[in-house]
Amino acid sequence: MQRGTVEQRGKSWVVRFNIKVLDAHGTEKWISKACRLTEVGGAYRTAASVRKLADAEIVKHASATISRPTSTKTLKAFIEQDFLPHIKATRKPSTYASRAY
């Protein structure tokens, strides 16, 4: 996991990092992001004191770009529970019986 760069901009702490996203054509590209973390002062006087906030922000954005499977069904379960009953219901019995699905 990347760490990003924590810097002070005015009276705020900001983290800059890069994330990989898919564009409209489905190709991957890197974009830069900058997120405001908190105001300078109190418990957050140094960049090191803001590091935990920065890491959490990077993980939040990075996990949103990772594709997750929409189903955890195995191929065998899909064929037995979904595909074959659908074929049987939509095909003539002679056609279904003659196919080696």
PDB file of N, CA and C in Angstrom:
ATOM      1  N   MET A   1       0.842  -1.181   0.000  1.00  0.00           N
ATOM      2  CA  MET A   1       0.000   0.000   0.000  1.00  0.00           C
ATOM      3  C   MET A   1       0.888   1.246   0.000  1.00  0.00           C
ATOM      4  N   GLN A   2       0.503   2.197  -0.779  1.00  0.00           N
ATOM      5  CA  GLN A   2       1.269   3.433  -0.810  1.00  0.00           C
ATOM      6  C   GLN A   2       0.978   4.276   0.436  1.00  0.00           C
ATOM      7  N   ARG A   3       1.884   5.145   0.763  1.00  0.00           N
ATOM      8  CA  ARG A   3       1.727   5.958   1.966  1.00  0.00           C
ATOM      9  C   ARG A   3       1.232   7.352   1.664  1.00  0.00           C
ATOM     10  N   GLY A   4       1.409   7.840   0.470  1.00  0.00           N
ATOM     11  CA  GLY A   4       0.991   9.195   0.160  1.00  0.00           C
ATOM     12  C   GLY A   4       1.918  10.213   0.792  1.00  0.00           C
ATOM     13  N   THR A   5       1.654  11.472   0.499  1.00  0.00           N
ATOM     14  CA  THR A   5       2.454  12.564   1.024  1.00  0.00           C
ATOM     15  C   THR A   5       1.574  13.449   1.891  1.00  0.00           C
ATOM     16  N   VAL A   6       1.976  13.619   3.143  1.00  0.00           N
ATOM     17  CA  VAL A   6       1.247  14.499   4.054  1.00  0.00           C
ATOM     18  C   VAL A   6       1.920  15.859   4.030  1.00  0.00           C
ATOM     19  N   GLU A   7       1.134  16.896   3.821  1.00  0.00           N
ATOM     20  CA  GLU A   7       1.695  18.247   3.785  1.00  0.00           C
ATOM     21  C   GLU A   7       0.707  19.228   4.406  1.00  0.00           C
ATOM     22  N   GLN A   8       1.246  20.346   4.798  1.00  0.00           N
ATOM     23  CA  GLN A   8       0.428  21.394   5.390  1.00  0.00           C
ATOM     24  C   GLN A   8       0.099  22.408   4.306  1.00  0.00           C
ATOM     25  N   ARG A   9      -1.184  22.680   4.139  1.00  0.00           N
ATOM     26  CA  ARG A   9      -1.636  23.723   3.221  1.00  0.00           C
ATOM     27  C   ARG A   9      -2.454  24.711   4.025  1.00  0.00           C
ATOM     28  N   GLY A  10      -1.884  25.869   4.203  1.00  0.00           N
ATOM     29  CA  GLY A  10      -2.553  26.877   5.018  1.00  0.00           C
ATOM     30  C   GLY A  10      -2.688  26.398   6.450  1.00  0.00           C
ATOM     31  N   LYS A  11      -3.923  26.290   6.941  1.00  0.00           N
ATOM     32  CA  LYS A  11      -4.160  25.847   8.311  1.00  0.00           C
ATOM     33  C   LYS A  11      -4.682  24.418   8.370  1.00  0.00           C
ATOM     34  N   SER A  12      -4.466  23.644   7.297  1.00  0.00           N
ATOM     35  CA  SER A  12      -4.979  22.278   7.237  1.00  0.00           C
ATOM     36  C   SER A  12      -3.887  21.294   6.845  1.00  0.00           C
ATOM     37  N   TRP A  13      -4.061  20.035   7.268  1.00  0.00           N
ATOM     38  CA  TRP A  13      -3.220  18.941   6.818  1.00  0.00           C
ATOM     39  C   TRP A  13      -3.911  18.285   5.633  1.00  0.00           C
ATOM     40  N   VAL A  14      -3.130  17.989   4.608  1.00  0.00           N
ATOM     41  CA  VAL A  14      -3.649  17.384   3.379  1.00  0.00           C
ATOM     42  C   VAL A  14      -2.785  16.181   3.038  1.00  0.00           C
ATOM     43  N   VAL A  15      -3.410  15.116   2.532  1.00  0.00           N
ATOM     44  CA  VAL A  15      -2.659  13.970   2.031  1.00  0.00           C
ATOM     45  C   VAL A  15      -2.861  13.895   0.520  1.00  0.00           C
ATOM     46  N   ARG A  16      -1.748  13.701  -0.209  1.00  0.00           N
ATOM     47  CA  ARG A  16      -1.795  13.531  -1.663  1.00  0.00           C
ATOM     48  C   ARG A  16      -1.369  12.108  -1.984  1.00  0.00           C
ATOM     49  N   PHE A  17      -2.106  11.463  -2.869  1.00  0.00           N
ATOM     50  CA  PHE A  17      -1.784  10.092  -3.261  1.00  0.00           C
ATOM     51  C   PHE A  17      -2.355   9.822  -4.642  1.00  0.00           C
ATOM     52  N   ASN A  18      -1.945   8.728  -5.239  1.00  0.00           N
ATOM     53  CA  ASN A  18      -2.414   8.320  -6.563  1.00  0.00           C
ATOM     54  C   ASN A  18      -3.243   7.056  -6.440  1.00  0.00           C
ATOM     55  N   ILE A  19      -4.313   6.962  -7.244  1.00  0.00           N
ATOM     56  CA  ILE A  19      -5.119   5.752  -7.287  1.00  0.00           C
ATOM     57  C   ILE A  19      -5.347   5.355  -8.738  1.00  0.00           C
ATOM     58  N   LYS A  20      -5.552   4.063  -8.953  1.00  0.00           N
ATOM     59  CA  LYS A  20      -5.795   3.545 -10.288  1.00  0.00           C
ATOM     60  C   LYS A  20      -7.301   3.450 -10.490  1.00  0.00           C
ATOM     61  N   VAL A  21      -7.792   4.005 -11.607  1.00  0.00           N
ATOM     62  CA  VAL A  21      -9.218   3.965 -11.925  1.00  0.00           C
ATOM     63  C   VAL A  21      -9.384   3.512 -13.365  1.00  0.00           C
ATOM     64  N   LEU A  22     -10.598   3.095 -13.702  1.00  0.00           N
ATOM     65  CA  LEU A  22     -10.926   2.726 -15.075  1.00  0.00           C
ATOM     66  C   LEU A  22     -11.587   3.919 -15.749  1.00  0.00           C
ATOM     67  N   ASP A  23     -11.136   4.249 -16.970  1.00  0.00           N
ATOM     68  CA  ASP A  23     -11.770   5.346 -17.691  1.00  0.00           C
ATOM     69  C   ASP A  23     -12.966   4.814 -18.475  1.00  0.00           C
ATOM     70  N   ALA A  24     -13.583   5.650 -19.282  1.00  0.00           N
ATOM     71  CA  ALA A  24     -14.799   5.282 -20.010  1.00  0.00           C
ATOM     72  C   ALA A  24     -14.572   4.138 -20.985  1.00  0.00           C
ATOM     73  N   HIS A  25     -13.345   3.948 -21.451  1.00  0.00           N
ATOM     74  CA  HIS A  25     -13.030   2.894 -22.420  1.00  0.00           C
ATOM     75  C   HIS A  25     -12.601   1.600 -21.746  1.00  0.00           C
ATOM     76  N   GLY A  26     -12.572   1.576 -20.421  1.00  0.00           N
ATOM     77  CA  GLY A  26     -12.198   0.376 -19.686  1.00  0.00           C
ATOM     78  C   GLY A  26     -10.713   0.195 -19.468  1.00  0.00           C
ATOM     79  N   THR A  27      -9.916   1.194 -19.807  1.00  0.00           N
ATOM     80  CA  THR A  27      -8.479   1.101 -19.572  1.00  0.00           C
ATOM     81  C   THR A  27      -8.140   1.728 -18.227  1.00  0.00           C
ATOM     82  N   GLU A  28      -7.102   1.183 -17.605  1.00  0.00           N
ATOM     83  CA  GLU A  28      -6.680   1.693 -16.306  1.00  0.00           C
ATOM     84  C   GLU A  28      -5.825   2.935 -16.480  1.00  0.00           C
ATOM     85  N   LYS A  29      -6.002   3.883 -15.579  1.00  0.00           N
ATOM     86  CA  LYS A  29      -5.126   5.050 -15.568  1.00  0.00           C
ATOM     87  C   LYS A  29      -4.983   5.520 -14.123  1.00  0.00           C
ATOM     88  N   TRP A  30      -3.891   6.207 -13.860  1.00  0.00           N
ATOM     89  CA  TRP A  30      -3.609   6.720 -12.526  1.00  0.00           C
ATOM     90  C   TRP A  30      -4.084   8.161 -12.436  1.00  0.00           C
ATOM     91  N   ILE A  31      -4.726   8.505 -11.316  1.00  0.00           N
ATOM     92  CA  ILE A  31      -5.096   9.893 -11.071  1.00  0.00           C
ATOM     93  C   ILE A  31      -4.581  10.296  -9.694  1.00  0.00           C
ATOM     94  N   SER A  32      -4.317  11.576  -9.543  1.00  0.00           N
ATOM     95  CA  SER A  32      -3.861  12.109  -8.255  1.00  0.00           C
ATOM     96  C   SER A  32      -5.057  12.610  -7.471  1.00  0.00           C
ATOM     97  N   LYS A  33      -5.042  12.357  -6.182  1.00  0.00           N
ATOM     98  CA  LYS A  33      -6.089  12.831  -5.291  1.00  0.00           C
ATOM     99  C   LYS A  33      -5.434  13.585  -4.146  1.00  0.00           C
ATOM    100  N   ALA A  34      -6.124  14.592  -3.664  1.00  0.00           N
ATOM    101  CA  ALA A  34      -5.698  15.329  -2.475  1.00  0.00           C
ATOM    102  C   ALA A  34      -6.908  15.437  -1.560  1.00  0.00           C
ATOM    103  N   CYS A  35      -6.744  15.029  -0.302  1.00  0.00           N
ATOM    104  CA  CYS A  35      -7.854  15.046   0.646  1.00  0.00           C
ATOM    105  C   CYS A  35      -7.443  15.801   1.900  1.00  0.00           C
ATOM    106  N   ARG A  36      -8.319  16.680   2.337  1.00  0.00           N
ATOM    107  CA  ARG A  36      -8.089  17.423   3.575  1.00  0.00           C
ATOM    108  C   ARG A  36      -8.317  16.479   4.747  1.00  0.00           C
ATOM    109  N   LEU A  37      -7.407  16.483   5.703  1.00  0.00           N
ATOM    110  CA  LEU A  37      -7.503  15.584   6.854  1.00  0.00           C
ATOM    111  C   LEU A  37      -8.068  16.275   8.082  1.00  0.00           C
ATOM    112  N   THR A  38      -7.408  17.337   8.532  1.00  0.00           N
ATOM    113  CA  THR A  38      -7.828  18.042   9.742  1.00  0.00           C
ATOM    114  C   THR A  38      -7.098  19.377   9.809  1.00  0.00           C
ATOM    115  N   GLU A  39      -7.452  20.171  10.775  1.00  0.00           N
ATOM    116  CA  GLU A  39      -6.766  21.446  10.973  1.00  0.00           C
ATOM    117  C   GLU A  39      -5.462  21.234  11.730  1.00  0.00           C
ATOM    118  N   VAL A  40      -4.516  22.114  11.491  1.00  0.00           N
ATOM    119  CA  VAL A  40      -3.238  22.081  12.193  1.00  0.00           C
ATOM    120  C   VAL A  40      -3.452  22.566  13.611  1.00  0.00           C
ATOM    121  N   GLY A  41      -2.854  21.879  14.566  1.00  0.00           N
ATOM    122  CA  GLY A  41      -2.927  22.313  15.952  1.00  0.00           C
ATOM    123  C   GLY A  41      -3.443  21.216  16.854  1.00  0.00           C
ATOM    124  N   GLY A  42      -3.364  21.471  18.148  1.00  0.00           N
ATOM    125  CA  GLY A  42      -3.814  20.488  19.119  1.00  0.00           C
ATOM    126  C   GLY A  42      -2.976  19.221  19.033  1.00  0.00           C
ATOM    127  N   ALA A  43      -3.625  18.100  18.860  1.00  0.00           N
ATOM    128  CA  ALA A  43      -2.920  16.823  18.751  1.00  0.00           C
ATOM    129  C   ALA A  43      -2.263  16.640  17.396  1.00  0.00           C
ATOM    130  N   TYR A  44      -2.594  17.484  16.438  1.00  0.00           N
ATOM    131  CA  TYR A  44      -2.080  17.338  15.073  1.00  0.00           C
ATOM    132  C   TYR A  44      -1.158  18.497  14.710  1.00  0.00           C
ATOM    133  N   ARG A  45      -0.006  18.564  15.367  1.00  0.00           N
ATOM    134  CA  ARG A  45       0.947  19.632  15.117  1.00  0.00           C
ATOM    135  C   ARG A  45       2.019  19.250  14.102  1.00  0.00           C
ATOM    136  N   THR A  46       2.263  17.941  13.921  1.00  0.00           N
ATOM    137  CA  THR A  46       3.296  17.485  12.994  1.00  0.00           C
ATOM    138  C   THR A  46       2.699  16.533  11.956  1.00  0.00           C
ATOM    139  N   ALA A  47       3.435  16.340  10.876  1.00  0.00           N
ATOM    140  CA  ALA A  47       2.983  15.421   9.832  1.00  0.00           C
ATOM    141  C   ALA A  47       2.912  13.984  10.360  1.00  0.00           C
ATOM    142  N   ALA A  48       3.811  13.623  11.242  1.00  0.00           N
ATOM    143  CA  ALA A  48       3.810  12.272  11.810  1.00  0.00           C
ATOM    144  C   ALA A  48       2.553  12.018  12.642  1.00  0.00           C
ATOM    145  N   SER A  49       2.043  13.046  13.303  1.00  0.00           N
ATOM    146  CA  SER A  49       0.857  12.863  14.128  1.00  0.00           C
ATOM    147  C   SER A  49      -0.412  12.688  13.294  1.00  0.00           C
ATOM    148  N   VAL A  50      -0.355  13.037  12.022  1.00  0.00           N
ATOM    149  CA  VAL A  50      -1.510  12.942  11.129  1.00  0.00           C
ATOM    150  C   VAL A  50      -1.442  11.666  10.278  1.00  0.00           C
ATOM    151  N   ARG A  51      -0.350  10.914  10.379  1.00  0.00           N
ATOM    152  CA  ARG A  51      -0.125   9.753   9.523  1.00  0.00           C
ATOM    153  C   ARG A  51      -1.254   8.723   9.601  1.00  0.00           C
ATOM    154  N   LYS A  52      -1.794   8.452  10.786  1.00  0.00           N
ATOM    155  CA  LYS A  52      -2.880   7.473  10.909  1.00  0.00           C
ATOM    156  C   LYS A  52      -4.127   7.937  10.157  1.00  0.00           C
ATOM    157  N   LEU A  53      -4.425   9.222  10.229  1.00  0.00           N
ATOM    158  CA  LEU A  53      -5.563   9.759   9.482  1.00  0.00           C
ATOM    159  C   LEU A  53      -5.325   9.631   7.982  1.00  0.00           C
ATOM    160  N   ALA A  54      -4.090   9.898   7.552  1.00  0.00           N
ATOM    161  CA  ALA A  54      -3.758   9.815   6.135  1.00  0.00           C
ATOM    162  C   ALA A  54      -3.879   8.376   5.632  1.00  0.00           C
ATOM    163  N   ASP A  55      -3.369   7.422   6.395  1.00  0.00           N
ATOM    164  CA  ASP A  55      -3.455   6.018   5.996  1.00  0.00           C
ATOM    165  C   ASP A  55      -4.907   5.562   5.881  1.00  0.00           C
ATOM    166  N   ALA A  56      -5.737   5.982   6.811  1.00  0.00           N
ATOM    167  CA  ALA A  56      -7.159   5.611   6.762  1.00  0.00           C
ATOM    168  C   ALA A  56      -7.842   6.203   5.533  1.00  0.00           C
ATOM    169  N   GLU A  57      -7.493   7.424   5.188  1.00  0.00           N
ATOM    170  CA  GLU A  57      -8.082   8.078   4.017  1.00  0.00           C
ATOM    171  C   GLU A  57      -7.655   7.379   2.725  1.00  0.00           C
ATOM    172  N   ILE A  58      -6.390   6.984   2.648  1.00  0.00           N
ATOM    173  CA  ILE A  58      -5.899   6.285   1.458  1.00  0.00           C
ATOM    174  C   ILE A  58      -6.591   4.941   1.310  1.00  0.00           C
ATOM    175  N   VAL A  59      -6.731   4.200   2.396  1.00  0.00           N
ATOM    176  CA  VAL A  59      -7.403   2.899   2.353  1.00  0.00           C
ATOM    177  C   VAL A  59      -8.852   3.065   1.927  1.00  0.00           C
ATOM    178  N   LYS A  60      -9.522   4.100   2.430  1.00  0.00           N
ATOM    179  CA  LYS A  60     -10.924   4.338   2.076  1.00  0.00           C
ATOM    180  C   LYS A  60     -11.065   4.556   0.571  1.00  0.00           C
ATOM    181  N   HIS A  61     -10.198   5.363  -0.017  1.00  0.00           N
ATOM    182  CA  HIS A  61     -10.284   5.648  -1.448  1.00  0.00           C
ATOM    183  C   HIS A  61      -9.803   4.473  -2.290  1.00  0.00           C
ATOM    184  N   ALA A  62      -8.783   3.792  -1.832  1.00  0.00           N
ATOM    185  CA  ALA A  62      -8.253   2.662  -2.595  1.00  0.00           C
ATOM    186  C   ALA A  62      -9.240   1.501  -2.614  1.00  0.00           C
ATOM    187  N   SER A  63      -9.915   1.258  -1.508  1.00  0.00           N
ATOM    188  CA  SER A  63     -10.856   0.146  -1.471  1.00  0.00           C
ATOM    189  C   SER A  63     -12.090   0.425  -2.311  1.00  0.00           C
ATOM    190  N   ALA A  64     -12.400   1.682  -2.537  1.00  0.00           N
ATOM    191  CA  ALA A  64     -13.548   2.013  -3.379  1.00  0.00           C
ATOM    192  C   ALA A  64     -13.258   1.747  -4.849  1.00  0.00           C
ATOM    193  N   THR A  65     -11.991   1.738  -5.237  1.00  0.00           N
ATOM    194  CA  THR A  65     -11.658   1.532  -6.639  1.00  0.00           C
ATOM    195  C   THR A  65     -11.382   0.075  -6.976  1.00  0.00           C
ATOM    196  N   ILE A  66     -11.216  -0.762  -5.994  1.00  0.00           N
ATOM    197  CA  ILE A  66     -10.957  -2.174  -6.242  1.00  0.00           C
ATOM    198  C   ILE A  66     -12.267  -2.848  -6.615  1.00  0.00           C
ATOM    199  N   SER A  67     -12.241  -3.607  -7.696  1.00  0.00           N
ATOM    200  CA  SER A  67     -13.467  -4.292  -8.094  1.00  0.00           C
ATOM    201  C   SER A  67     -13.670  -5.523  -7.226  1.00  0.00           C
ATOM    202  N   ARG A  68     -14.869  -5.703  -6.818  1.00  0.00           N
ATOM    203  CA  ARG A  68     -15.231  -6.842  -5.990  1.00  0.00           C
ATOM    204  C   ARG A  68     -16.213  -7.720  -6.756  1.00  0.00           C
ATOM    205  N   PRO A  69     -16.141  -9.021  -6.583  1.00  0.00           N
ATOM    206  CA  PRO A  69     -17.090  -9.877  -7.284  1.00  0.00           C
ATOM    207  C   PRO A  69     -18.500  -9.632  -6.771  1.00  0.00           C
ATOM    208  N   THR A  70     -19.457  -9.664  -7.679  1.00  0.00           N
ATOM    209  CA  THR A  70     -20.841  -9.452  -7.271  1.00  0.00           C
ATOM    210  C   THR A  70     -21.488 -10.747  -6.825  1.00  0.00           C
ATOM    211  N   SER A  71     -20.841 -11.861  -7.104  1.00  0.00           N
ATOM    212  CA  SER A  71     -21.383 -13.160  -6.709  1.00  0.00           C
ATOM    213  C   SER A  71     -20.253 -14.057  -6.259  1.00  0.00           C
ATOM    214  N   THR A  72     -20.541 -14.907  -5.312  1.00  0.00           N
ATOM    215  CA  THR A  72     -19.543 -15.862  -4.857  1.00  0.00           C
ATOM    216  C   THR A  72     -19.966 -17.285  -5.190  1.00  0.00           C
ATOM    217  N   LYS A  73     -20.939 -17.408  -6.077  1.00  0.00           N
ATOM    218  CA  LYS A  73     -21.425 -18.721  -6.487  1.00  0.00           C
ATOM    219  C   LYS A  73     -20.399 -19.378  -7.395  1.00  0.00           C
ATOM    220  N   THR A  74     -20.163 -20.676  -7.185  1.00  0.00           N
ATOM    221  CA  THR A  74     -19.227 -21.400  -8.025  1.00  0.00           C
ATOM    222  C   THR A  74     -19.839 -21.671  -9.396  1.00  0.00           C
ATOM    223  N   LEU A  75     -19.002 -21.996 -10.360  1.00  0.00           N
ATOM    224  CA  LEU A  75     -19.472 -22.289 -11.710  1.00  0.00           C
ATOM    225  C   LEU A  75     -20.387 -23.514 -11.707  1.00  0.00           C
ATOM    226  N   LYS A  76     -20.010 -24.514 -10.956  1.00  0.00           N
ATOM    227  CA  LYS A  76     -20.825 -25.733 -10.875  1.00  0.00           C
ATOM    228  C   LYS A  76     -22.204 -25.420 -10.311  1.00  0.00           C
ATOM    229  N   ALA A  77     -22.256 -24.635  -9.257  1.00  0.00           N
ATOM    230  CA  ALA A  77     -23.547 -24.273  -8.652  1.00  0.00           C
ATOM    231  C   ALA A  77     -24.382 -23.437  -9.619  1.00  0.00           C
ATOM    232  N   PHE A  78     -23.745 -22.525 -10.344  1.00  0.00           N
ATOM    233  CA  PHE A  78     -24.469 -21.715 -11.315  1.00  0.00           C
ATOM    234  C   PHE A  78     -25.098 -22.590 -12.394  1.00  0.00           C
ATOM    235  N   ILE A  79     -24.315 -23.520 -12.933  1.00  0.00           N
ATOM    236  CA  ILE A  79     -24.828 -24.393 -13.996  1.00  0.00           C
ATOM    237  C   ILE A  79     -25.978 -25.248 -13.491  1.00  0.00           C
ATOM    238  N   GLU A  80     -25.809 -25.849 -12.319  1.00  0.00           N
ATOM    239  CA  GLU A  80     -26.830 -26.751 -11.797  1.00  0.00           C
ATOM    240  C   GLU A  80     -28.083 -26.021 -11.317  1.00  0.00           C
ATOM    241  N   GLN A  81     -27.928 -24.862 -10.709  1.00  0.00           N
ATOM    242  CA  GLN A  81     -29.060 -24.175 -10.087  1.00  0.00           C
ATOM    243  C   GLN A  81     -29.721 -23.139 -10.996  1.00  0.00           C
ATOM    244  N   ASP A  82     -28.981 -22.554 -11.917  1.00  0.00           N
ATOM    245  CA  ASP A  82     -29.517 -21.471 -12.738  1.00  0.00           C
ATOM    246  C   ASP A  82     -29.606 -21.820 -14.226  1.00  0.00           C
ATOM    247  N   PHE A  83     -28.476 -22.223 -14.800  1.00  0.00           N
ATOM    248  CA  PHE A  83     -28.417 -22.400 -16.253  1.00  0.00           C
ATOM    249  C   PHE A  83     -29.271 -23.572 -16.746  1.00  0.00           C
ATOM    250  N   LEU A  84     -29.054 -24.765 -16.193  1.00  0.00           N
ATOM    251  CA  LEU A  84     -29.794 -25.932 -16.675  1.00  0.00           C
ATOM    252  C   LEU A  84     -31.305 -25.807 -16.462  1.00  0.00           C
ATOM    253  N   PRO A  85     -31.793 -25.333 -15.307  1.00  0.00           N
ATOM    254  CA  PRO A  85     -33.249 -25.142 -15.189  1.00  0.00           C
ATOM    255  C   PRO A  85     -33.789 -24.129 -16.195  1.00  0.00           C
ATOM    256  N   HIS A  86     -33.036 -23.085 -16.486  1.00  0.00           N
ATOM    257  CA  HIS A  86     -33.469 -22.100 -17.476  1.00  0.00           C
ATOM    258  C   HIS A  86     -33.558 -22.730 -18.870  1.00  0.00           C
ATOM    259  N   ILE A  87     -32.532 -23.496 -19.256  1.00  0.00           N
ATOM    260  CA  ILE A  87     -32.527 -24.160 -20.562  1.00  0.00           C
ATOM    261  C   ILE A  87     -33.687 -25.145 -20.656  1.00  0.00           C
ATOM    262  N   LYS A  88     -33.909 -25.882 -19.596  1.00  0.00           N
ATOM    263  CA  LYS A  88     -35.000 -26.859 -19.606  1.00  0.00           C
ATOM    264  C   LYS A  88     -36.354 -26.179 -19.754  1.00  0.00           C
ATOM    265  N   ALA A  89     -36.509 -25.016 -19.137  1.00  0.00           N
ATOM    266  CA  ALA A  89     -37.794 -24.304 -19.190  1.00  0.00           C
ATOM    267  C   ALA A  89     -38.011 -23.594 -20.522  1.00  0.00           C
ATOM    268  N   THR A  90     -36.945 -23.203 -21.201  1.00  0.00           N
ATOM    269  CA  THR A  90     -37.102 -22.398 -22.423  1.00  0.00           C
ATOM    270  C   THR A  90     -36.917 -23.202 -23.713  1.00  0.00           C
ATOM    271  N   ARG A  91     -36.487 -24.453 -23.653  1.00  0.00           N
ATOM    272  CA  ARG A  91     -36.284 -25.282 -24.839  1.00  0.00           C
ATOM    273  C   ARG A  91     -37.339 -26.391 -24.878  1.00  0.00           C
ATOM    274  N   LYS A  92     -37.557 -26.874 -26.070  1.00  0.00           N
ATOM    275  CA  LYS A  92     -38.452 -28.022 -26.217  1.00  0.00           C
ATOM    276  C   LYS A  92     -37.788 -29.223 -25.547  1.00  0.00           C
ATOM    277  N   PRO A  93     -38.576 -30.154 -25.011  1.00  0.00           N
ATOM    278  CA  PRO A  93     -37.994 -31.323 -24.346  1.00  0.00           C
ATOM    279  C   PRO A  93     -37.045 -32.111 -25.246  1.00  0.00           C
ATOM    280  N   SER A  94     -37.356 -32.210 -26.514  1.00  0.00           N
ATOM    281  CA  SER A  94     -36.479 -32.970 -27.414  1.00  0.00           C
ATOM    282  C   SER A  94     -35.137 -32.254 -27.611  1.00  0.00           C
ATOM    283  N   THR A  95     -35.173 -30.927 -27.658  1.00  0.00           N
ATOM    284  CA  THR A  95     -33.938 -30.164 -27.813  1.00  0.00           C
ATOM    285  C   THR A  95     -33.090 -30.247 -26.549  1.00  0.00           C
ATOM    286  N   TYR A  96     -33.719 -30.124 -25.404  1.00  0.00           N
ATOM    287  CA  TYR A  96     -33.003 -30.197 -24.128  1.00  0.00           C
ATOM    288  C   TYR A  96     -32.357 -31.569 -23.945  1.00  0.00           C
ATOM    289  N   ALA A  97     -33.076 -32.620 -24.301  1.00  0.00           N
ATOM    290  CA  ALA A  97     -32.570 -33.972 -24.129  1.00  0.00           C
ATOM    291  C   ALA A  97     -31.422 -34.272 -25.075  1.00  0.00           C
ATOM    292  N   SER A  98     -31.406 -33.634 -26.252  1.00  0.00           N
ATOM    293  CA  SER A  98     -30.372 -33.929 -27.234  1.00  0.00           C
ATOM    294  C   SER A  98     -29.084 -33.121 -27.012  1.00  0.00           C
ATOM    295  N   ARG A  99     -29.144 -32.105 -26.197  1.00  0.00           N
ATOM    296  CA  ARG A  99     -27.964 -31.271 -25.939  1.00  0.00           C
ATOM    297  C   ARG A  99     -27.129 -31.852 -24.816  1.00  0.00           C
ATOM    298  N   ALA A 100     -25.851 -31.695 -24.908  1.00  0.00           N
ATOM    299  CA  ALA A 100     -24.938 -32.148 -23.858  1.00  0.00           C
ATOM    300  C   ALA A 100     -24.504 -30.931 -23.040  1.00  0.00           C
ATOM    301  N   TYR A 101     -25.446 -30.296 -22.358  1.00  0.00           N
ATOM    302  CA  TYR A 101     -25.127 -29.122 -21.541  1.00  0.00           C
ATOM    303  C   TYR A 101     -24.384 -29.600 -20.356  1.00  0.00           C
TER     304      TYR A 101
END
